[in-house]
């Protein structure tokens, strides 16, 4: 497989306005990092990122990961991200991905086979050793939707499998904050009249968060 590149990642972002790391392709490491970032943007989703060849392979998982082997989660492949992105948490005020990013889980991952070969064949089997996600998982490529391949993320039936909803553990593993706490100290001015999402689940969440934060600020001012 060819070398990884961050060209698409950098082309989509304006680093003069976005706090996201520009980053670079790093050196290979023996212990491979993984993370899951909960991202409230135009839609709520969870970004699964697996370190490989100095970058983070990335998939957007709309419904989030599950510990239940019966739950098959759609995972849309997106552009590689820099390894520095694995510690990113905060507010993207405008532009691509505008919204709130929360570091939902992190740890190491162990591939169950040759990564390049598994990616080529479209079936990636691996173990996660995170703070919330543990045990075996698989990603299976189904088809291409435009330029974005669609995969299925499935938990393997092992000792770490559970029917408990792991998404209820909604605090950051980095800051121990939730979305409201992250946005509390800084609301971009543009969000007051043009939030990243207006309708649907994401729009409702933005409305609730901003109303709650602004109400608390008003009480403090009084």
C-alpha atoms as a PDB file:
ATOM      1  CA  UNK A   1       0.000   0.000   0.000  1.00  0.00           C
ATOM      2  CA  UNK A   2       1.265   3.502  -0.844  1.00  0.00           C
ATOM      3  CA  UNK A   3       2.495   5.968   1.776  1.00  0.00           C
ATOM      4  CA  UNK A   4      -0.132   7.866   3.727  1.00  0.00           C
ATOM      5  CA  UNK A   5      -0.713  11.558   3.096  1.00  0.00           C
ATOM      6  CA  UNK A   6      -2.505  14.421   4.868  1.00  0.00           C
ATOM      7  CA  UNK A   7      -3.127  16.435   1.697  1.00  0.00           C
ATOM      8  CA  UNK A   8      -6.926  16.016   1.780  1.00  0.00           C
ATOM      9  CA  UNK A   9      -7.073  16.801   5.509  1.00  0.00           C
ATOM     10  CA  UNK A  10      -5.116  20.046   5.031  1.00  0.00           C
ATOM     11  CA  UNK A  11      -7.024  21.103   1.926  1.00  0.00           C
ATOM     12  CA  UNK A  12     -10.349  21.018   3.790  1.00  0.00           C
ATOM     13  CA  UNK A  13      -9.234  23.252   6.677  1.00  0.00           C
ATOM     14  CA  UNK A  14      -8.185  26.820   7.311  1.00  0.00           C
ATOM     15  CA  UNK A  15      -5.697  26.605  10.172  1.00  0.00           C
ATOM     16  CA  UNK A  16      -5.785  30.386  10.689  1.00  0.00           C
ATOM     17  CA  UNK A  17      -9.309  30.020  12.079  1.00  0.00           C
ATOM     18  CA  UNK A  18      -9.434  26.372  13.166  1.00  0.00           C
ATOM     19  CA  UNK A  19      -7.685  25.183  16.350  1.00  0.00           C
ATOM     20  CA  UNK A  20      -7.208  21.721  14.816  1.00  0.00           C
ATOM     21  CA  UNK A  21      -3.561  20.617  14.502  1.00  0.00           C
ATOM     22  CA  UNK A  22      -2.037  20.891  11.019  1.00  0.00           C
ATOM     23  CA  UNK A  23       0.221  17.991  11.936  1.00  0.00           C
ATOM     24  CA  UNK A  24       2.479  15.872   9.775  1.00  0.00           C
ATOM     25  CA  UNK A  25       2.980  12.217   8.966  1.00  0.00           C
ATOM     26  CA  UNK A  26       4.854  10.730  11.926  1.00  0.00           C
ATOM     27  CA  UNK A  27       7.249   7.825  12.308  1.00  0.00           C
ATOM     28  CA  UNK A  28       5.856   4.305  12.768  1.00  0.00           C
ATOM     29  CA  UNK A  29       5.522   3.080  16.348  1.00  0.00           C
ATOM     30  CA  UNK A  30       5.215  -0.403  17.856  1.00  0.00           C
ATOM     31  CA  UNK A  31       2.266   0.473  20.104  1.00  0.00           C
ATOM     32  CA  UNK A  32      -0.496   1.814  17.876  1.00  0.00           C
ATOM     33  CA  UNK A  33      -2.778   4.550  19.225  1.00  0.00           C
ATOM     34  CA  UNK A  34      -6.534   4.718  18.731  1.00  0.00           C
ATOM     35  CA  UNK A  35      -9.193   7.181  19.776  1.00  0.00           C
ATOM     36  CA  UNK A  36     -12.876   7.941  19.344  1.00  0.00           C
ATOM     37  CA  UNK A  37     -13.951  11.580  19.186  1.00  0.00           C
ATOM     38  CA  UNK A  38     -17.575  12.536  19.714  1.00  0.00           C
ATOM     39  CA  UNK A  39     -18.293  15.340  17.275  1.00  0.00           C
ATOM     40  CA  UNK A  40     -21.364  17.563  17.381  1.00  0.00           C
ATOM     41  CA  UNK A  41     -21.359  19.340  14.020  1.00  0.00           C
ATOM     42  CA  UNK A  42     -24.014  19.530  11.290  1.00  0.00           C
ATOM     43  CA  UNK A  43     -24.798  15.994  12.511  1.00  0.00           C
ATOM     44  CA  UNK A  44     -23.833  14.189  15.703  1.00  0.00           C
ATOM     45  CA  UNK A  45     -21.356  11.373  15.060  1.00  0.00           C
ATOM     46  CA  UNK A  46     -18.374   9.547  16.531  1.00  0.00           C
ATOM     47  CA  UNK A  47     -15.003   9.495  14.740  1.00  0.00           C
ATOM     48  CA  UNK A  48     -13.041   6.261  15.098  1.00  0.00           C
ATOM     49  CA  UNK A  49      -9.311   6.766  14.451  1.00  0.00           C
ATOM     50  CA  UNK A  50      -6.663   4.027  14.204  1.00  0.00           C
ATOM     51  CA  UNK A  51      -2.967   4.840  13.959  1.00  0.00           C
ATOM     52  CA  UNK A  52      -1.218   3.421  10.889  1.00  0.00           C
ATOM     53  CA  UNK A  53       1.970   4.511   9.119  1.00  0.00           C
ATOM     54  CA  UNK A  54       2.215   7.779  11.044  1.00  0.00           C
ATOM     55  CA  UNK A  55      -1.379   8.969  10.531  1.00  0.00           C
ATOM     56  CA  UNK A  56      -4.824   8.188  11.930  1.00  0.00           C
ATOM     57  CA  UNK A  57      -7.071   6.158   9.625  1.00  0.00           C
ATOM     58  CA  UNK A  58     -10.530   7.611  10.219  1.00  0.00           C
ATOM     59  CA  UNK A  59     -14.178   6.567  10.005  1.00  0.00           C
ATOM     60  CA  UNK A  60     -17.272   8.594  10.935  1.00  0.00           C
ATOM     61  CA  UNK A  61     -19.732   6.405  12.853  1.00  0.00           C
ATOM     62  CA  UNK A  62     -23.149   8.160  12.913  1.00  0.00           C
ATOM     63  CA  UNK A  63     -24.692   6.061  15.694  1.00  0.00           C
ATOM     64  CA  UNK A  64     -21.482   5.514  17.629  1.00  0.00           C
ATOM     65  CA  UNK A  65     -19.742   2.248  18.533  1.00  0.00           C
ATOM     66  CA  UNK A  66     -21.528  -0.537  20.380  1.00  0.00           C
ATOM     67  CA  UNK A  67     -20.386  -3.360  22.664  1.00  0.00           C
ATOM     68  CA  UNK A  68     -23.266  -5.546  21.446  1.00  0.00           C
ATOM     69  CA  UNK A  69     -22.180  -8.020  18.703  1.00  0.00           C
ATOM     70  CA  UNK A  70     -25.720  -7.867  17.296  1.00  0.00           C
ATOM     71  CA  UNK A  71     -25.421  -4.144  16.571  1.00  0.00           C
ATOM     72  CA  UNK A  72     -23.875  -3.368  13.171  1.00  0.00           C
ATOM     73  CA  UNK A  73     -22.803   0.261  12.932  1.00  0.00           C
ATOM     74  CA  UNK A  74     -22.299   2.132   9.674  1.00  0.00           C
ATOM     75  CA  UNK A  75     -18.775   3.607   9.486  1.00  0.00           C
ATOM     76  CA  UNK A  76     -18.007   6.006   6.634  1.00  0.00           C
ATOM     77  CA  UNK A  77     -14.335   6.213   5.722  1.00  0.00           C
ATOM     78  CA  UNK A  78     -12.999   9.784   5.713  1.00  0.00           C
ATOM     79  CA  UNK A  79      -9.596  11.369   5.125  1.00  0.00           C
ATOM     80  CA  UNK A  80      -6.529  10.423   7.161  1.00  0.00           C
ATOM     81  CA  UNK A  81      -5.890  12.723  10.135  1.00  0.00           C
ATOM     82  CA  UNK A  82      -2.540  13.683  11.717  1.00  0.00           C
ATOM     83  CA  UNK A  83      -1.526  11.710  14.776  1.00  0.00           C
ATOM     84  CA  UNK A  84      -1.625  14.938  16.824  1.00  0.00           C
ATOM     85  CA  UNK A  85      -5.381  14.990  16.234  1.00  0.00           C
ATOM     86  CA  UNK A  86      -5.708  12.106  18.694  1.00  0.00           C
ATOM     87  CA  UNK A  87      -5.492  14.509  21.635  1.00  0.00           C
ATOM     88  CA  UNK A  88      -7.635  17.265  20.127  1.00  0.00           C
ATOM     89  CA  UNK A  89     -10.706  18.451  22.004  1.00  0.00           C
ATOM     90  CA  UNK A  90     -12.493  21.768  21.767  1.00  0.00           C
ATOM     91  CA  UNK A  91     -14.481  24.069  19.500  1.00  0.00           C
ATOM     92  CA  UNK A  92     -14.158  24.423  15.732  1.00  0.00           C
ATOM     93  CA  UNK A  93     -15.799  27.838  15.273  1.00  0.00           C
ATOM     94  CA  UNK A  94     -16.484  27.784  11.526  1.00  0.00           C
ATOM     95  CA  UNK A  95     -15.732  26.068   8.255  1.00  0.00           C
ATOM     96  CA  UNK A  96     -15.369  22.337   7.692  1.00  0.00           C
ATOM     97  CA  UNK A  97     -16.477  20.319  10.736  1.00  0.00           C
ATOM     98  CA  UNK A  98     -17.627  23.388  12.697  1.00  0.00           C
ATOM     99  CA  UNK A  99     -18.903  22.297  16.096  1.00  0.00           C
ATOM    100  CA  UNK A 100     -17.697  20.700  19.325  1.00  0.00           C
ATOM    101  CA  UNK A 101     -15.187  17.850  19.572  1.00  0.00           C
ATOM    102  CA  UNK A 102     -14.986  15.710  22.713  1.00  0.00           C
ATOM    103  CA  UNK A 103     -12.298  13.041  23.211  1.00  0.00           C
ATOM    104  CA  UNK A 104     -14.652  10.189  24.078  1.00  0.00           C
ATOM    105  CA  UNK A 105     -12.163   7.304  24.266  1.00  0.00           C
ATOM    106  CA  UNK A 106      -8.473   6.566  23.710  1.00  0.00           C
ATOM    107  CA  UNK A 107      -5.973   3.756  24.107  1.00  0.00           C
ATOM    108  CA  UNK A 108      -4.057   1.325  21.923  1.00  0.00           C
ATOM    109  CA  UNK A 109      -5.161  -1.054  19.201  1.00  0.00           C
ATOM    110  CA  UNK A 110      -3.747  -4.376  18.037  1.00  0.00           C
ATOM    111  CA  UNK A 111      -4.409  -5.583  14.469  1.00  0.00           C
ATOM    112  CA  UNK A 112      -5.273  -9.244  14.029  1.00  0.00           C
ATOM    113  CA  UNK A 113      -3.240  -9.710  10.875  1.00  0.00           C
ATOM    114  CA  UNK A 114      -1.396  -7.648   8.274  1.00  0.00           C
ATOM    115  CA  UNK A 115      -2.995  -4.174   8.225  1.00  0.00           C
ATOM    116  CA  UNK A 116      -2.240  -3.379   4.584  1.00  0.00           C
ATOM    117  CA  UNK A 117      -3.600  -6.710   3.401  1.00  0.00           C
ATOM    118  CA  UNK A 118      -6.733  -6.439   5.553  1.00  0.00           C
ATOM    119  CA  UNK A 119      -7.419  -2.919   4.267  1.00  0.00           C
ATOM    120  CA  UNK A 120      -6.948  -4.069   0.691  1.00  0.00           C
ATOM    121  CA  UNK A 121      -9.359  -6.968   1.169  1.00  0.00           C
ATOM    122  CA  UNK A 122     -11.838  -4.756   3.023  1.00  0.00           C
ATOM    123  CA  UNK A 123     -11.953  -6.631   6.336  1.00  0.00           C
ATOM    124  CA  UNK A 124      -9.985  -5.214   9.263  1.00  0.00           C
ATOM    125  CA  UNK A 125      -9.959  -7.293  12.445  1.00  0.00           C
ATOM    126  CA  UNK A 126      -8.482  -5.800  15.620  1.00  0.00           C
ATOM    127  CA  UNK A 127      -8.441  -5.530  19.405  1.00  0.00           C
ATOM    128  CA  UNK A 128      -9.093  -2.278  21.255  1.00  0.00           C
ATOM    129  CA  UNK A 129      -7.591  -1.499  24.643  1.00  0.00           C
ATOM    130  CA  UNK A 130      -9.347   1.732  25.562  1.00  0.00           C
ATOM    131  CA  UNK A 131     -10.934   3.277  28.613  1.00  0.00           C
ATOM    132  CA  UNK A 132     -14.442   2.538  27.286  1.00  0.00           C
ATOM    133  CA  UNK A 133     -14.003   0.226  24.303  1.00  0.00           C
ATOM    134  CA  UNK A 134     -12.253  -3.092  24.885  1.00  0.00           C
ATOM    135  CA  UNK A 135     -11.970  -6.422  23.108  1.00  0.00           C
ATOM    136  CA  UNK A 136     -12.329  -7.505  19.516  1.00  0.00           C
ATOM    137  CA  UNK A 137     -13.913  -5.487  16.710  1.00  0.00           C
ATOM    138  CA  UNK A 138     -14.055  -5.669  12.939  1.00  0.00           C
ATOM    139  CA  UNK A 139     -14.532  -3.211  10.102  1.00  0.00           C
ATOM    140  CA  UNK A 140     -15.933  -4.675   6.874  1.00  0.00           C
ATOM    141  CA  UNK A 141     -16.142  -2.634   3.692  1.00  0.00           C
ATOM    142  CA  UNK A 142     -19.523  -2.781   1.966  1.00  0.00           C
ATOM    143  CA  UNK A 143     -19.513  -0.317  -0.922  1.00  0.00           C
ATOM    144  CA  UNK A 144     -18.490   3.135  -2.072  1.00  0.00           C
ATOM    145  CA  UNK A 145     -20.871   6.071  -1.617  1.00  0.00           C
ATOM    146  CA  UNK A 146     -19.422   8.676  -3.932  1.00  0.00           C
ATOM    147  CA  UNK A 147     -15.779   8.976  -2.915  1.00  0.00           C
ATOM    148  CA  UNK A 148     -16.353   7.642   0.602  1.00  0.00           C
ATOM    149  CA  UNK A 149     -16.243   3.861   1.204  1.00  0.00           C
ATOM    150  CA  UNK A 150     -18.846   2.577   3.653  1.00  0.00           C
ATOM    151  CA  UNK A 151     -17.889  -0.033   6.237  1.00  0.00           C
ATOM    152  CA  UNK A 152     -19.653  -1.879   9.044  1.00  0.00           C
ATOM    153  CA  UNK A 153     -18.198  -1.665  12.552  1.00  0.00           C
ATOM    154  CA  UNK A 154     -19.098  -4.729  14.643  1.00  0.00           C
ATOM    155  CA  UNK A 155     -18.097  -5.849  18.146  1.00  0.00           C
ATOM    156  CA  UNK A 156     -16.852  -9.428  18.353  1.00  0.00           C
ATOM    157  CA  UNK A 157     -18.570 -11.854  20.715  1.00  0.00           C
ATOM    158  CA  UNK A 158     -15.961 -12.088  23.467  1.00  0.00           C
ATOM    159  CA  UNK A 159     -15.634 -11.438  27.199  1.00  0.00           C
ATOM    160  CA  UNK A 160     -15.871  -7.671  26.643  1.00  0.00           C
ATOM    161  CA  UNK A 161     -19.168  -7.889  24.732  1.00  0.00           C
ATOM    162  CA  UNK A 162     -22.184  -6.350  26.478  1.00  0.00           C
ATOM    163  CA  UNK A 163     -25.711  -5.129  25.818  1.00  0.00           C
ATOM    164  CA  UNK A 164     -25.140  -2.108  28.043  1.00  0.00           C
ATOM    165  CA  UNK A 165     -25.197   1.184  26.150  1.00  0.00           C
ATOM    166  CA  UNK A 166     -21.579   2.367  26.316  1.00  0.00           C
ATOM    167  CA  UNK A 167     -22.575   5.715  24.763  1.00  0.00           C
ATOM    168  CA  UNK A 168     -24.184   6.709  28.071  1.00  0.00           C
ATOM    169  CA  UNK A 169     -20.630   7.222  29.295  1.00  0.00           C
ATOM    170  CA  UNK A 170     -20.671  10.643  27.671  1.00  0.00           C
ATOM    171  CA  UNK A 171     -17.800  12.425  29.445  1.00  0.00           C
ATOM    172  CA  UNK A 172     -14.415  13.135  27.895  1.00  0.00           C
ATOM    173  CA  UNK A 173     -11.565  10.812  28.899  1.00  0.00           C
ATOM    174  CA  UNK A 174      -9.236  13.824  28.660  1.00  0.00           C
ATOM    175  CA  UNK A 175     -11.031  16.654  30.470  1.00  0.00           C
ATOM    176  CA  UNK A 176     -13.894  14.728  32.145  1.00  0.00           C
ATOM    177  CA  UNK A 177     -16.229  17.322  30.566  1.00  0.00           C
ATOM    178  CA  UNK A 178     -19.368  16.949  28.483  1.00  0.00           C
ATOM    179  CA  UNK A 179     -20.356  19.119  25.503  1.00  0.00           C
ATOM    180  CA  UNK A 180     -21.932  21.808  27.698  1.00  0.00           C
ATOM    181  CA  UNK A 181     -18.813  22.156  29.840  1.00  0.00           C
ATOM    182  CA  UNK A 182     -16.550  22.381  26.782  1.00  0.00           C
ATOM    183  CA  UNK A 183     -18.601  25.154  25.163  1.00  0.00           C
ATOM    184  CA  UNK A 184     -19.277  27.024  28.415  1.00  0.00           C
ATOM    185  CA  UNK A 185     -16.190  29.242  28.370  1.00  0.00           C
ATOM    186  CA  UNK A 186     -16.245  30.096  24.693  1.00  0.00           C
ATOM    187  CA  UNK A 187     -19.236  30.422  22.379  1.00  0.00           C
ATOM    188  CA  UNK A 188     -18.279  31.719  18.917  1.00  0.00           C
ATOM    189  CA  UNK A 189     -20.280  34.889  18.233  1.00  0.00           C
ATOM    190  CA  UNK A 190     -21.495  33.520  14.902  1.00  0.00           C
ATOM    191  CA  UNK A 191     -23.183  30.589  16.665  1.00  0.00           C
ATOM    192  CA  UNK A 192     -25.670  32.905  18.371  1.00  0.00           C
ATOM    193  CA  UNK A 193     -27.427  33.578  15.055  1.00  0.00           C
ATOM    194  CA  UNK A 194     -25.993  30.794  12.874  1.00  0.00           C
ATOM    195  CA  UNK A 195     -25.141  27.606  14.813  1.00  0.00           C
ATOM    196  CA  UNK A 196     -23.458  24.714  12.965  1.00  0.00           C
ATOM    197  CA  UNK A 197     -26.809  22.875  12.890  1.00  0.00           C
ATOM    198  CA  UNK A 198     -30.391  24.123  13.107  1.00  0.00           C
ATOM    199  CA  UNK A 199     -32.647  21.152  12.450  1.00  0.00           C
ATOM    200  CA  UNK A 200     -32.729  17.508  13.498  1.00  0.00           C
ATOM    201  CA  UNK A 201     -30.994  15.958  16.486  1.00  0.00           C
ATOM    202  CA  UNK A 202     -27.847  18.073  16.137  1.00  0.00           C
ATOM    203  CA  UNK A 203     -29.835  21.305  15.830  1.00  0.00           C
ATOM    204  CA  UNK A 204     -31.818  20.434  18.945  1.00  0.00           C
ATOM    205  CA  UNK A 205     -28.631  19.707  20.863  1.00  0.00           C
ATOM    206  CA  UNK A 206     -27.057  23.026  19.847  1.00  0.00           C
ATOM    207  CA  UNK A 207     -30.209  24.913  20.823  1.00  0.00           C
ATOM    208  CA  UNK A 208     -30.310  23.204  24.222  1.00  0.00           C
ATOM    209  CA  UNK A 209     -26.588  23.674  24.902  1.00  0.00           C
ATOM    210  CA  UNK A 210     -26.474  27.329  23.902  1.00  0.00           C
ATOM    211  CA  UNK A 211     -29.648  28.155  25.822  1.00  0.00           C
ATOM    212  CA  UNK A 212     -28.295  26.484  28.950  1.00  0.00           C
ATOM    213  CA  UNK A 213     -24.889  28.171  28.732  1.00  0.00           C
ATOM    214  CA  UNK A 214     -26.293  31.629  27.940  1.00  0.00           C
ATOM    215  CA  UNK A 215     -28.789  31.356  30.801  1.00  0.00           C
ATOM    216  CA  UNK A 216     -26.002  30.556  33.278  1.00  0.00           C
ATOM    217  CA  UNK A 217     -23.882  33.428  31.965  1.00  0.00           C
ATOM    218  CA  UNK A 218     -26.826  35.825  32.390  1.00  0.00           C
ATOM    219  CA  UNK A 219     -27.385  34.669  35.972  1.00  0.00           C
ATOM    220  CA  UNK A 220     -23.674  35.179  36.759  1.00  0.00           C
ATOM    221  CA  UNK A 221     -23.761  38.669  35.287  1.00  0.00           C
ATOM    222  CA  UNK A 222     -26.726  39.609  37.466  1.00  0.00           C
END
